[in-house]
Amino acid sequence: MAAMLDWNDLRYFLAVADGGSTLAAGRALRVSQTTVARRIAALEEALGLPLFERRQAGYALTPAGEELVERARQVEISATGFAEAAAAQVRDTSGTVRITTQEIFVTLLAPMMRELHEKHPEILIELDDSQYFRDLGEGEADIALRSAYGDIGSGVVGRRLCPDDWTLYCSRDYAAANGVPQTRAQLKKHAFIGGGGPKLWHAYSAWLHELGLDDRVIMHHASAMGMMSAIRSGLGIAVLPCVVADADPDLIRCVPPRDGHGRVMWLVTHERLRHTPRVRTVIDFLYEKLSRHIKMLEAQREAAAA
């Protein structure tokens, strides 16, 4: 059976072999002479053979020590190479990072991608705005910008951004021609754009039904981006996320967002990827940019309310 070694003891073995004494080795390793002598003794005991002859002038390698010293140097070279390779991986941010989010939030992320590319051209971003839920645990995406009620899911880690408020918006042209509705009664006199995709329309249509506005929908769009284009064109009113719409100077809030909905915007990844350099780089970058965007919107709302 191979001896159970403390591989760190090989550093002491080589230091004594090179320096010729425990005193010289201690100076080279910045430890006490006593520590060096103790580690050499422990190594010899583990191996079951003497590596040095203790002489008045210092330590001299025994024949066994002479035979093993070059093997110890190979171990040192391998250990150094291992450490350097690990350090290189920690620094290496190259590769692909897959981000998943709802289509409507792509308008929020897209302007940030240019700066991310300029800072980290070695990272290839795949931006997925599919209507389908991408499972981070199954490796279907690396990062998600998503809304959640309460818990963000098992094995998922991330950063809270802001409440995921949505409300009704119209364009400035629409407001100039038709006014800005601010009550339920006023809303019933206006045209609404429906659709936005199955997931969005499920919640949106329920809200319209609750307000008694089902019959005011004049057009459906299959996508959230199509719905947003229809609003900008002045065709009618539709629901949009505040974090997106409030940053558009051509859009006007019609009514305040609903309170107590409990939805929160998160920037998340799976726990197994949280320390992957390229994923960590993208998450840190997006969190800083999104946080700055959210603070800007909050400041604008406060100024408007003052």
C-alpha atoms as a PDB file:
ATOM      1  CA  MET A   1       0.000   0.000   0.000  1.00  0.00           C
ATOM      2  CA  ALA A   2       1.321   3.468  -0.906  1.00  0.00           C
ATOM      3  CA  ALA A   3       2.341   5.696   1.995  1.00  0.00           C
ATOM      4  CA  MET A   4      -0.224   8.296   3.077  1.00  0.00           C
ATOM      5  CA  LEU A   5       1.588  11.515   2.330  1.00  0.00           C
ATOM      6  CA  ASP A   6       0.975  15.143   3.069  1.00  0.00           C
ATOM      7  CA  TRP A   7       1.977  16.437  -0.353  1.00  0.00           C
ATOM      8  CA  ASN A   8       2.891  19.779   1.164  1.00  0.00           C
ATOM      9  CA  ASP A   9       5.794  18.033   2.914  1.00  0.00           C
ATOM     10  CA  LEU A  10       7.468  17.656  -0.474  1.00  0.00           C
ATOM     11  CA  ARG A  11       8.000  21.431  -0.486  1.00  0.00           C
ATOM     12  CA  TYR A  12      10.005  21.075   2.715  1.00  0.00           C
ATOM     13  CA  PHE A  13      11.914  18.110   1.296  1.00  0.00           C
ATOM     14  CA  LEU A  14      12.951  20.085  -1.802  1.00  0.00           C
ATOM     15  CA  ALA A  15      13.769  23.208   0.202  1.00  0.00           C
ATOM     16  CA  VAL A  16      16.134  21.252   2.483  1.00  0.00           C
ATOM     17  CA  ALA A  17      17.649  19.418  -0.489  1.00  0.00           C
ATOM     18  CA  ASP A  18      18.318  22.732  -2.243  1.00  0.00           C
ATOM     19  CA  GLY A  19      19.402  24.691   0.827  1.00  0.00           C
ATOM     20  CA  GLY A  20      21.391  21.997   2.558  1.00  0.00           C
ATOM     21  CA  SER A  21      19.925  22.729   5.992  1.00  0.00           C
ATOM     22  CA  THR A  22      16.663  23.212   7.844  1.00  0.00           C
ATOM     23  CA  LEU A  23      17.737  26.776   8.639  1.00  0.00           C
ATOM     24  CA  ALA A  24      18.151  27.697   4.951  1.00  0.00           C
ATOM     25  CA  ALA A  25      14.918  25.928   4.089  1.00  0.00           C
ATOM     26  CA  GLY A  26      13.059  27.804   6.820  1.00  0.00           C
ATOM     27  CA  ARG A  27      14.272  31.125   5.454  1.00  0.00           C
ATOM     28  CA  ALA A  28      13.220  30.172   1.913  1.00  0.00           C
ATOM     29  CA  LEU A  29       9.774  29.044   3.055  1.00  0.00           C
ATOM     30  CA  ARG A  30       9.385  31.777   5.696  1.00  0.00           C
ATOM     31  CA  VAL A  31       8.771  29.323   8.503  1.00  0.00           C
ATOM     32  CA  SER A  32      10.799  28.342  11.569  1.00  0.00           C
ATOM     33  CA  GLN A  33      13.693  25.907  11.446  1.00  0.00           C
ATOM     34  CA  THR A  34      11.793  23.745  13.943  1.00  0.00           C
ATOM     35  CA  THR A  35       8.796  23.516  11.599  1.00  0.00           C
ATOM     36  CA  VAL A  36      11.010  22.366   8.734  1.00  0.00           C
ATOM     37  CA  ALA A  37      12.700  19.706  10.873  1.00  0.00           C
ATOM     38  CA  ARG A  38       9.314  18.455  12.083  1.00  0.00           C
ATOM     39  CA  ARG A  39       7.880  18.216   8.557  1.00  0.00           C
ATOM     40  CA  ILE A  40      10.950  16.346   7.287  1.00  0.00           C
ATOM     41  CA  ALA A  41      10.677  13.885  10.158  1.00  0.00           C
ATOM     42  CA  ALA A  42       6.983  13.385   9.393  1.00  0.00           C
ATOM     43  CA  LEU A  43       7.731  12.734   5.724  1.00  0.00           C
ATOM     44  CA  GLU A  44      10.428  10.196   6.535  1.00  0.00           C
ATOM     45  CA  GLU A  45       8.094   8.427   8.941  1.00  0.00           C
ATOM     46  CA  ALA A  46       5.327   8.307   6.331  1.00  0.00           C
ATOM     47  CA  LEU A  47       7.720   6.885   3.723  1.00  0.00           C
ATOM     48  CA  GLY A  48       9.462   4.532   6.154  1.00  0.00           C
ATOM     49  CA  LEU A  49      12.958   5.505   5.034  1.00  0.00           C
ATOM     50  CA  PRO A  50      15.517   8.236   5.768  1.00  0.00           C
ATOM     51  CA  LEU A  51      15.851  11.001   3.192  1.00  0.00           C
ATOM     52  CA  PHE A  52      18.713  12.930   4.826  1.00  0.00           C
ATOM     53  CA  GLU A  53      21.811  12.296   6.857  1.00  0.00           C
ATOM     54  CA  ARG A  54      21.964  14.777   9.723  1.00  0.00           C
ATOM     55  CA  ARG A  55      25.501  16.160   9.787  1.00  0.00           C
ATOM     56  CA  GLN A  56      27.147  18.943  11.726  1.00  0.00           C
ATOM     57  CA  ALA A  57      27.487  20.923   8.481  1.00  0.00           C
ATOM     58  CA  GLY A  58      23.809  20.404   7.550  1.00  0.00           C
ATOM     59  CA  TYR A  59      21.519  17.897   5.857  1.00  0.00           C
ATOM     60  CA  ALA A  60      22.809  15.633   3.072  1.00  0.00           C
ATOM     61  CA  LEU A  61      20.581  13.460   0.893  1.00  0.00           C
ATOM     62  CA  THR A  62      20.740   9.722   1.471  1.00  0.00           C
ATOM     63  CA  PRO A  63      20.824   7.434  -1.585  1.00  0.00           C
ATOM     64  CA  ALA A  64      17.039   7.051  -1.201  1.00  0.00           C
ATOM     65  CA  GLY A  65      16.699  10.808  -0.996  1.00  0.00           C
ATOM     66  CA  GLU A  66      18.841  11.252  -4.121  1.00  0.00           C
ATOM     67  CA  GLU A  67      16.588   8.841  -6.000  1.00  0.00           C
ATOM     68  CA  LEU A  68      13.375  10.557  -4.893  1.00  0.00           C
ATOM     69  CA  VAL A  69      14.341  14.207  -5.174  1.00  0.00           C
ATOM     70  CA  GLU A  70      13.775  14.419  -8.943  1.00  0.00           C
ATOM     71  CA  ARG A  71      10.401  12.735  -8.584  1.00  0.00           C
ATOM     72  CA  ALA A  72       9.525  15.341  -5.973  1.00  0.00           C
ATOM     73  CA  ARG A  73      10.473  18.066  -8.457  1.00  0.00           C
ATOM     74  CA  GLN A  74       8.099  16.550 -11.009  1.00  0.00           C
ATOM     75  CA  VAL A  75       5.320  16.643  -8.421  1.00  0.00           C
ATOM     76  CA  GLU A  76       6.118  20.312  -7.750  1.00  0.00           C
ATOM     77  CA  ILE A  77       6.020  21.108 -11.475  1.00  0.00           C
ATOM     78  CA  SER A  78       2.693  19.295 -11.862  1.00  0.00           C
ATOM     79  CA  ALA A  79       1.206  21.036  -8.820  1.00  0.00           C
ATOM     80  CA  THR A  80       2.332  24.438 -10.106  1.00  0.00           C
ATOM     81  CA  GLY A  81       0.887  23.653 -13.532  1.00  0.00           C
ATOM     82  CA  PHE A  82      -2.387  22.575 -11.941  1.00  0.00           C
ATOM     83  CA  ALA A  83      -2.617  25.805  -9.945  1.00  0.00           C
ATOM     84  CA  GLU A  84      -1.814  27.924 -12.994  1.00  0.00           C
ATOM     85  CA  ALA A  85      -4.406  26.106 -15.116  1.00  0.00           C
ATOM     86  CA  ALA A  86      -7.036  26.589 -12.410  1.00  0.00           C
ATOM     87  CA  ALA A  87      -6.173  30.286 -12.129  1.00  0.00           C
ATOM     88  CA  ALA A  88      -6.455  30.642 -15.906  1.00  0.00           C
ATOM     89  CA  GLN A  89      -9.931  29.125 -15.837  1.00  0.00           C
ATOM     90  CA  VAL A  90     -10.981  31.554 -13.102  1.00  0.00           C
ATOM     91  CA  ARG A  91      -9.844  34.428 -15.313  1.00  0.00           C
ATOM     92  CA  ASP A  92     -11.251  33.015 -18.560  1.00  0.00           C
ATOM     93  CA  THR A  93     -14.643  34.515 -19.380  1.00  0.00           C
ATOM     94  CA  SER A  94     -14.810  33.294 -22.980  1.00  0.00           C
ATOM     95  CA  GLY A  95     -17.737  31.231 -24.195  1.00  0.00           C
ATOM     96  CA  THR A  96     -21.489  31.378 -24.723  1.00  0.00           C
ATOM     97  CA  VAL A  97     -24.015  32.698 -22.197  1.00  0.00           C
ATOM     98  CA  ARG A  98     -27.696  31.993 -22.874  1.00  0.00           C
ATOM     99  CA  ILE A  99     -30.164  34.532 -21.474  1.00  0.00           C
ATOM    100  CA  THR A 100     -33.893  33.865 -21.388  1.00  0.00           C
ATOM    101  CA  THR A 101     -36.648  36.416 -20.785  1.00  0.00           C
ATOM    102  CA  GLN A 102     -40.083  37.464 -22.012  1.00  0.00           C
ATOM    103  CA  GLU A 103     -40.123  39.105 -25.409  1.00  0.00           C
ATOM    104  CA  ILE A 104     -41.227  42.452 -24.000  1.00  0.00           C
ATOM    105  CA  PHE A 105     -38.110  42.690 -21.833  1.00  0.00           C
ATOM    106  CA  VAL A 106     -35.783  42.300 -24.819  1.00  0.00           C
ATOM    107  CA  THR A 107     -36.293  46.026 -25.447  1.00  0.00           C
ATOM    108  CA  LEU A 108     -34.821  46.592 -22.002  1.00  0.00           C
ATOM    109  CA  LEU A 109     -31.809  44.308 -22.475  1.00  0.00           C
ATOM    110  CA  ALA A 110     -30.963  45.020 -26.120  1.00  0.00           C
ATOM    111  CA  PRO A 111     -29.301  48.444 -25.579  1.00  0.00           C
ATOM    112  CA  MET A 112     -27.136  46.905 -22.845  1.00  0.00           C
ATOM    113  CA  MET A 113     -25.767  44.213 -25.152  1.00  0.00           C
ATOM    114  CA  ARG A 114     -23.629  46.642 -27.118  1.00  0.00           C
ATOM    115  CA  GLU A 115     -21.693  47.797 -24.063  1.00  0.00           C
ATOM    116  CA  LEU A 116     -21.402  44.237 -22.815  1.00  0.00           C
ATOM    117  CA  HIS A 117     -19.899  43.201 -26.150  1.00  0.00           C
ATOM    118  CA  GLU A 118     -17.495  46.146 -26.131  1.00  0.00           C
ATOM    119  CA  LYS A 119     -16.278  45.224 -22.657  1.00  0.00           C
ATOM    120  CA  HIS A 120     -16.283  41.458 -23.174  1.00  0.00           C
ATOM    121  CA  PRO A 121     -16.028  40.579 -26.886  1.00  0.00           C
ATOM    122  CA  GLU A 122     -14.994  37.059 -25.873  1.00  0.00           C
ATOM    123  CA  ILE A 123     -18.533  36.341 -24.615  1.00  0.00           C
ATOM    124  CA  LEU A 124     -21.191  35.249 -27.122  1.00  0.00           C
ATOM    125  CA  ILE A 125     -24.715  36.095 -25.947  1.00  0.00           C
ATOM    126  CA  GLU A 126     -27.703  34.007 -27.009  1.00  0.00           C
ATOM    127  CA  LEU A 127     -30.864  35.923 -26.147  1.00  0.00           C
ATOM    128  CA  ASP A 128     -33.957  33.720 -26.020  1.00  0.00           C
ATOM    129  CA  ASP A 129     -37.341  35.487 -25.954  1.00  0.00           C
ATOM    130  CA  SER A 130     -39.401  32.353 -26.524  1.00  0.00           C
ATOM    131  CA  GLN A 131     -42.919  32.098 -25.113  1.00  0.00           C
ATOM    132  CA  TYR A 132     -41.804  28.849 -23.477  1.00  0.00           C
ATOM    133  CA  PHE A 133     -40.396  28.633 -19.960  1.00  0.00           C
ATOM    134  CA  ARG A 134     -36.699  27.729 -19.992  1.00  0.00           C
ATOM    135  CA  ASP A 135     -35.582  25.488 -17.116  1.00  0.00           C
ATOM    136  CA  LEU A 136     -32.271  26.669 -15.661  1.00  0.00           C
ATOM    137  CA  GLY A 137     -31.947  23.440 -13.699  1.00  0.00           C
ATOM    138  CA  GLU A 138     -32.116  21.425 -16.928  1.00  0.00           C
ATOM    139  CA  GLY A 139     -29.504  23.641 -18.579  1.00  0.00           C
ATOM    140  CA  GLU A 140     -31.943  25.193 -21.068  1.00  0.00           C
ATOM    141  CA  ALA A 141     -30.516  28.647 -20.268  1.00  0.00           C
ATOM    142  CA  ASP A 142     -27.765  30.126 -18.106  1.00  0.00           C
ATOM    143  CA  ILE A 143     -29.406  33.364 -16.926  1.00  0.00           C
ATOM    144  CA  ALA A 144     -33.040  34.435 -16.705  1.00  0.00           C
ATOM    145  CA  LEU A 145     -34.659  37.837 -16.301  1.00  0.00           C
ATOM    146  CA  ARG A 146     -38.071  36.832 -15.039  1.00  0.00           C
ATOM    147  CA  SER A 147     -40.990  37.672 -12.832  1.00  0.00           C
ATOM    148  CA  ALA A 148     -41.967  35.447  -9.918  1.00  0.00           C
ATOM    149  CA  TYR A 149     -44.371  35.281  -7.019  1.00  0.00           C
ATOM    150  CA  GLY A 150     -42.446  34.588  -3.807  1.00  0.00           C
ATOM    151  CA  ASP A 151     -39.826  31.836  -4.130  1.00  0.00           C
ATOM    152  CA  ILE A 152     -37.725  31.891  -7.311  1.00  0.00           C
ATOM    153  CA  GLY A 153     -37.369  28.092  -7.399  1.00  0.00           C
ATOM    154  CA  SER A 154     -35.241  25.274  -6.082  1.00  0.00           C
ATOM    155  CA  GLY A 155     -31.560  25.434  -7.008  1.00  0.00           C
ATOM    156  CA  VAL A 156     -31.952  28.931  -8.475  1.00  0.00           C
ATOM    157  CA  VAL A 157     -30.019  31.880  -7.082  1.00  0.00           C
ATOM    158  CA  GLY A 158     -30.309  35.503  -8.047  1.00  0.00           C
ATOM    159  CA  ARG A 159     -30.805  39.149  -7.302  1.00  0.00           C
ATOM    160  CA  ARG A 160     -34.058  40.979  -6.728  1.00  0.00           C
ATOM    161  CA  LEU A 161     -34.501  43.957  -9.045  1.00  0.00           C
ATOM    162  CA  CYS A 162     -37.890  45.588  -8.415  1.00  0.00           C
ATOM    163  CA  PRO A 163     -41.640  44.935  -8.230  1.00  0.00           C
ATOM    164  CA  ASP A 164     -42.894  43.761 -11.616  1.00  0.00           C
ATOM    165  CA  ASP A 165     -45.549  46.440 -12.041  1.00  0.00           C
ATOM    166  CA  TRP A 166     -47.697  46.525 -15.191  1.00  0.00           C
ATOM    167  CA  THR A 167     -50.357  49.027 -16.185  1.00  0.00           C
ATOM    168  CA  LEU A 168     -52.149  50.607 -19.163  1.00  0.00           C
ATOM    169  CA  TYR A 169     -50.307  52.927 -21.574  1.00  0.00           C
ATOM    170  CA  CYS A 170     -51.123  54.960 -24.643  1.00  0.00           C
ATOM    171  CA  SER A 171     -48.991  57.019 -27.007  1.00  0.00           C
ATOM    172  CA  ARG A 172     -48.733  60.803 -26.858  1.00  0.00           C
ATOM    173  CA  ASP A 173     -50.443  61.018 -30.261  1.00  0.00           C
ATOM    174  CA  TYR A 174     -53.321  58.905 -28.962  1.00  0.00           C
ATOM    175  CA  ALA A 175     -53.572  61.056 -25.831  1.00  0.00           C
ATOM    176  CA  ALA A 176     -53.617  64.237 -27.913  1.00  0.00           C
ATOM    177  CA  ALA A 177     -56.477  62.893 -30.032  1.00  0.00           C
ATOM    178  CA  ASN A 178     -58.482  61.014 -27.411  1.00  0.00           C
ATOM    179  CA  GLY A 179     -57.349  62.172 -23.979  1.00  0.00           C
ATOM    180  CA  VAL A 180     -55.818  60.017 -21.243  1.00  0.00           C
ATOM    181  CA  PRO A 181     -58.390  57.818 -19.463  1.00  0.00           C
ATOM    182  CA  GLN A 182     -57.852  57.706 -15.697  1.00  0.00           C
ATOM    183  CA  THR A 183     -61.009  56.034 -14.357  1.00  0.00           C
ATOM    184  CA  ARG A 184     -62.893  52.822 -15.118  1.00  0.00           C
ATOM    185  CA  ALA A 185     -65.733  54.804 -16.680  1.00  0.00           C
ATOM    186  CA  GLN A 186     -63.325  56.689 -18.925  1.00  0.00           C
ATOM    187  CA  LEU A 187     -61.538  53.464 -19.946  1.00  0.00           C
ATOM    188  CA  LYS A 188     -64.803  52.101 -21.371  1.00  0.00           C
ATOM    189  CA  LYS A 189     -64.749  54.842 -24.022  1.00  0.00           C
ATOM    190  CA  HIS A 190     -61.324  53.860 -25.397  1.00  0.00           C
ATOM    191  CA  ALA A 191     -59.896  51.256 -27.769  1.00  0.00           C
ATOM    192  CA  PHE A 192     -57.692  48.459 -26.481  1.00  0.00           C
ATOM    193  CA  ILE A 193     -55.012  46.353 -28.122  1.00  0.00           C
ATOM    194  CA  GLY A 194     -55.128  42.706 -27.058  1.00  0.00           C
ATOM    195  CA  GLY A 195     -52.789  39.737 -27.338  1.00  0.00           C
ATOM    196  CA  GLY A 196     -49.088  39.827 -26.508  1.00  0.00           C
ATOM    197  CA  GLY A 197     -48.678  36.059 -26.559  1.00  0.00           C
ATOM    198  CA  PRO A 198     -50.497  33.288 -24.662  1.00  0.00           C
ATOM    199  CA  LYS A 199     -48.863  33.826 -21.247  1.00  0.00           C
ATOM    200  CA  LEU A 200     -49.347  37.605 -21.272  1.00  0.00           C
ATOM    201  CA  TRP A 201     -52.843  37.473 -22.736  1.00  0.00           C
ATOM    202  CA  HIS A 202     -54.022  35.023 -20.074  1.00  0.00           C
ATOM    203  CA  ALA A 203     -53.439  37.579 -17.291  1.00  0.00           C
ATOM    204  CA  TYR A 204     -54.185  40.641 -19.405  1.00  0.00           C
ATOM    205  CA  SER A 205     -57.569  39.368 -20.653  1.00  0.00           C
ATOM    206  CA  ALA A 206     -58.582  38.473 -17.078  1.00  0.00           C
ATOM    207  CA  TRP A 207     -57.819  42.049 -16.034  1.00  0.00           C
ATOM    208  CA  LEU A 208     -59.829  43.494 -18.936  1.00  0.00           C
ATOM    209  CA  HIS A 209     -62.719  41.194 -18.065  1.00  0.00           C
ATOM    210  CA  GLU A 210     -62.599  42.327 -14.437  1.00  0.00           C
ATOM    211  CA  LEU A 211     -62.838  45.947 -15.606  1.00  0.00           C
ATOM    212  CA  GLY A 212     -65.667  45.120 -18.021  1.00  0.00           C
ATOM    213  CA  LEU A 213     -63.583  46.033 -21.057  1.00  0.00           C
ATOM    214  CA  ASP A 214     -63.765  42.824 -23.094  1.00  0.00           C
ATOM    215  CA  ASP A 215     -65.756  44.485 -25.867  1.00  0.00           C
ATOM    216  CA  ARG A 216     -63.290  47.389 -26.173  1.00  0.00           C
ATOM    217  CA  VAL A 217     -60.519  45.224 -27.714  1.00  0.00           C
ATOM    218  CA  ILE A 218     -60.221  46.199 -31.375  1.00  0.00           C
ATOM    219  CA  MET A 219     -57.119  44.202 -32.363  1.00  0.00           C
ATOM    220  CA  HIS A 220     -55.035  41.242 -31.192  1.00  0.00           C
ATOM    221  CA  HIS A 221     -51.306  40.942 -31.669  1.00  0.00           C
ATOM    222  CA  ALA A 222     -49.592  37.561 -31.428  1.00  0.00           C
ATOM    223  CA  SER A 223     -46.510  39.078 -29.805  1.00  0.00           C
ATOM    224  CA  ALA A 224     -45.768  41.609 -27.088  1.00  0.00           C
ATOM    225  CA  MET A 225     -43.577  43.605 -29.471  1.00  0.00           C
ATOM    226  CA  GLY A 226     -46.435  43.808 -31.973  1.00  0.00           C
ATOM    227  CA  MET A 227     -48.725  45.042 -29.226  1.00  0.00           C
ATOM    228  CA  MET A 228     -46.187  47.690 -28.235  1.00  0.00           C
ATOM    229  CA  SER A 229     -45.881  48.821 -31.877  1.00  0.00           C
ATOM    230  CA  ALA A 230     -49.662  49.191 -32.066  1.00  0.00           C
ATOM    231  CA  ILE A 231     -49.670  51.375 -28.961  1.00  0.00           C
ATOM    232  CA  ARG A 232     -46.910  53.573 -30.369  1.00  0.00           C
ATOM    233  CA  SER A 233     -48.828  53.950 -33.628  1.00  0.00           C
ATOM    234  CA  GLY A 234     -51.709  55.529 -31.707  1.00  0.00           C
ATOM    235  CA  LEU A 235     -54.148  52.701 -32.415  1.00  0.00           C
ATOM    236  CA  GLY A 236     -55.196  52.192 -28.802  1.00  0.00           C
ATOM    237  CA  ILE A 237     -54.307  51.355 -25.221  1.00  0.00           C
ATOM    238  CA  ALA A 238     -52.656  48.205 -23.832  1.00  0.00           C
ATOM    239  CA  VAL A 239     -50.941  46.842 -20.760  1.00  0.00           C
ATOM    240  CA  LEU A 240     -47.128  47.013 -20.554  1.00  0.00           C
ATOM    241  CA  PRO A 241     -44.468  46.493 -17.885  1.00  0.00           C
ATOM    242  CA  CYS A 242     -43.630  49.774 -16.152  1.00  0.00           C
ATOM    243  CA  VAL A 243     -39.895  49.034 -16.149  1.00  0.00           C
ATOM    244  CA  VAL A 244     -40.038  49.112 -19.971  1.00  0.00           C
ATOM    245  CA  ALA A 245     -42.814  51.592 -20.795  1.00  0.00           C
ATOM    246  CA  ASP A 246     -41.844  54.311 -18.301  1.00  0.00           C
ATOM    247  CA  ALA A 247     -38.513  54.663 -20.096  1.00  0.00           C
ATOM    248  CA  ASP A 248     -40.215  55.344 -23.442  1.00  0.00           C
ATOM    249  CA  PRO A 249     -40.805  59.112 -23.848  1.00  0.00           C
ATOM    250  CA  ASP A 250     -43.584  58.463 -26.375  1.00  0.00           C
ATOM    251  CA  LEU A 251     -45.718  56.484 -23.909  1.00  0.00           C
ATOM    252  CA  ILE A 252     -48.015  57.801 -21.159  1.00  0.00           C
ATOM    253  CA  ARG A 253     -49.372  55.927 -18.145  1.00  0.00           C
ATOM    254  CA  CYS A 254     -53.142  55.930 -18.073  1.00  0.00           C
ATOM    255  CA  VAL A 255     -53.721  54.544 -14.565  1.00  0.00           C
ATOM    256  CA  PRO A 256     -51.413  53.598 -11.661  1.00  0.00           C
ATOM    257  CA  PRO A 257     -50.255  49.964 -11.487  1.00  0.00           C
ATOM    258  CA  ARG A 258     -52.211  47.614  -9.250  1.00  0.00           C
ATOM    259  CA  ASP A 259     -51.012  47.243  -5.666  1.00  0.00           C
ATOM    260  CA  GLY A 260     -50.412  43.971  -3.883  1.00  0.00           C
ATOM    261  CA  HIS A 261     -49.856  41.790  -6.946  1.00  0.00           C
ATOM    262  CA  GLY A 262     -46.735  40.233  -5.385  1.00  0.00           C
ATOM    263  CA  ARG A 263     -44.739  39.833  -8.589  1.00  0.00           C
ATOM    264  CA  VAL A 264     -41.022  40.619  -8.392  1.00  0.00           C
ATOM    265  CA  MET A 265     -38.444  40.966 -11.157  1.00  0.00           C
ATOM    266  CA  TRP A 266     -35.397  38.749 -10.637  1.00  0.00           C
ATOM    267  CA  LEU A 267     -32.091  38.236 -12.409  1.00  0.00           C
ATOM    268  CA  VAL A 268     -31.258  34.597 -11.749  1.00  0.00           C
ATOM    269  CA  THR A 269     -29.007  31.666 -12.612  1.00  0.00           C
ATOM    270  CA  HIS A 270     -28.651  28.106 -11.391  1.00  0.00           C
ATOM    271  CA  GLU A 271     -26.501  27.560  -8.316  1.00  0.00           C
ATOM    272  CA  ARG A 272     -24.097  25.291 -10.221  1.00  0.00           C
ATOM    273  CA  LEU A 273     -23.284  28.200 -12.599  1.00  0.00           C
ATOM    274  CA  ARG A 274     -23.042  31.044 -10.099  1.00  0.00           C
ATOM    275  CA  HIS A 275     -19.216  30.935 -10.014  1.00  0.00           C
ATOM    276  CA  THR A 276     -18.679  30.230 -13.742  1.00  0.00           C
ATOM    277  CA  PRO A 277     -16.611  33.269 -14.821  1.00  0.00           C
ATOM    278  CA  ARG A 278     -18.543  34.193 -17.976  1.00  0.00           C
ATOM    279  CA  VAL A 279     -21.936  33.763 -16.269  1.00  0.00           C
ATOM    280  CA  ARG A 280     -20.800  35.756 -13.234  1.00  0.00           C
ATOM    281  CA  THR A 281     -19.466  38.498 -15.537  1.00  0.00           C
ATOM    282  CA  VAL A 282     -22.765  38.821 -17.426  1.00  0.00           C
ATOM    283  CA  ILE A 283     -24.922  38.742 -14.291  1.00  0.00           C
ATOM    284  CA  ASP A 284     -22.817  41.393 -12.558  1.00  0.00           C
ATOM    285  CA  PHE A 285     -22.915  43.588 -15.664  1.00  0.00           C
ATOM    286  CA  LEU A 286     -26.683  43.255 -16.169  1.00  0.00           C
ATOM    287  CA  TYR A 287     -27.472  43.764 -12.496  1.00  0.00           C
ATOM    288  CA  GLU A 288     -25.482  47.009 -12.428  1.00  0.00           C
ATOM    289  CA  LYS A 289     -27.158  48.276 -15.626  1.00  0.00           C
ATOM    290  CA  LEU A 290     -30.672  47.222 -14.673  1.00  0.00           C
ATOM    291  CA  SER A 291     -30.330  48.671 -11.162  1.00  0.00           C
ATOM    292  CA  ARG A 292     -29.199  51.980 -12.633  1.00  0.00           C
ATOM    293  CA  HIS A 293     -32.145  51.943 -15.058  1.00  0.00           C
ATOM    294  CA  ILE A 294     -34.622  51.255 -12.254  1.00  0.00           C
ATOM    295  CA  LYS A 295     -33.174  54.030 -10.059  1.00  0.00           C
ATOM    296  CA  MET A 296     -33.441  56.458 -12.974  1.00  0.00           C
ATOM    297  CA  LEU A 297     -37.130  55.609 -13.431  1.00  0.00           C
ATOM    298  CA  GLU A 298     -37.779  56.003  -9.710  1.00  0.00           C
ATOM    299  CA  ALA A 299     -36.137  59.440  -9.749  1.00  0.00           C
ATOM    300  CA  GLN A 300     -38.233  60.492 -12.739  1.00  0.00           C
ATOM    301  CA  ARG A 301     -41.466  59.404 -11.006  1.00  0.00           C
ATOM    302  CA  GLU A 302     -40.530  61.264  -7.840  1.00  0.00           C
ATOM    303  CA  ALA A 303     -39.752  64.419  -9.843  1.00  0.00           C
ATOM    304  CA  ALA A 304     -43.061  64.138 -11.717  1.00  0.00           C
ATOM    305  CA  ALA A 305     -44.983  63.714  -8.465  1.00  0.00           C
ATOM    306  CA  ALA A 306     -43.292  66.663  -6.760  1.00  0.00           C
END
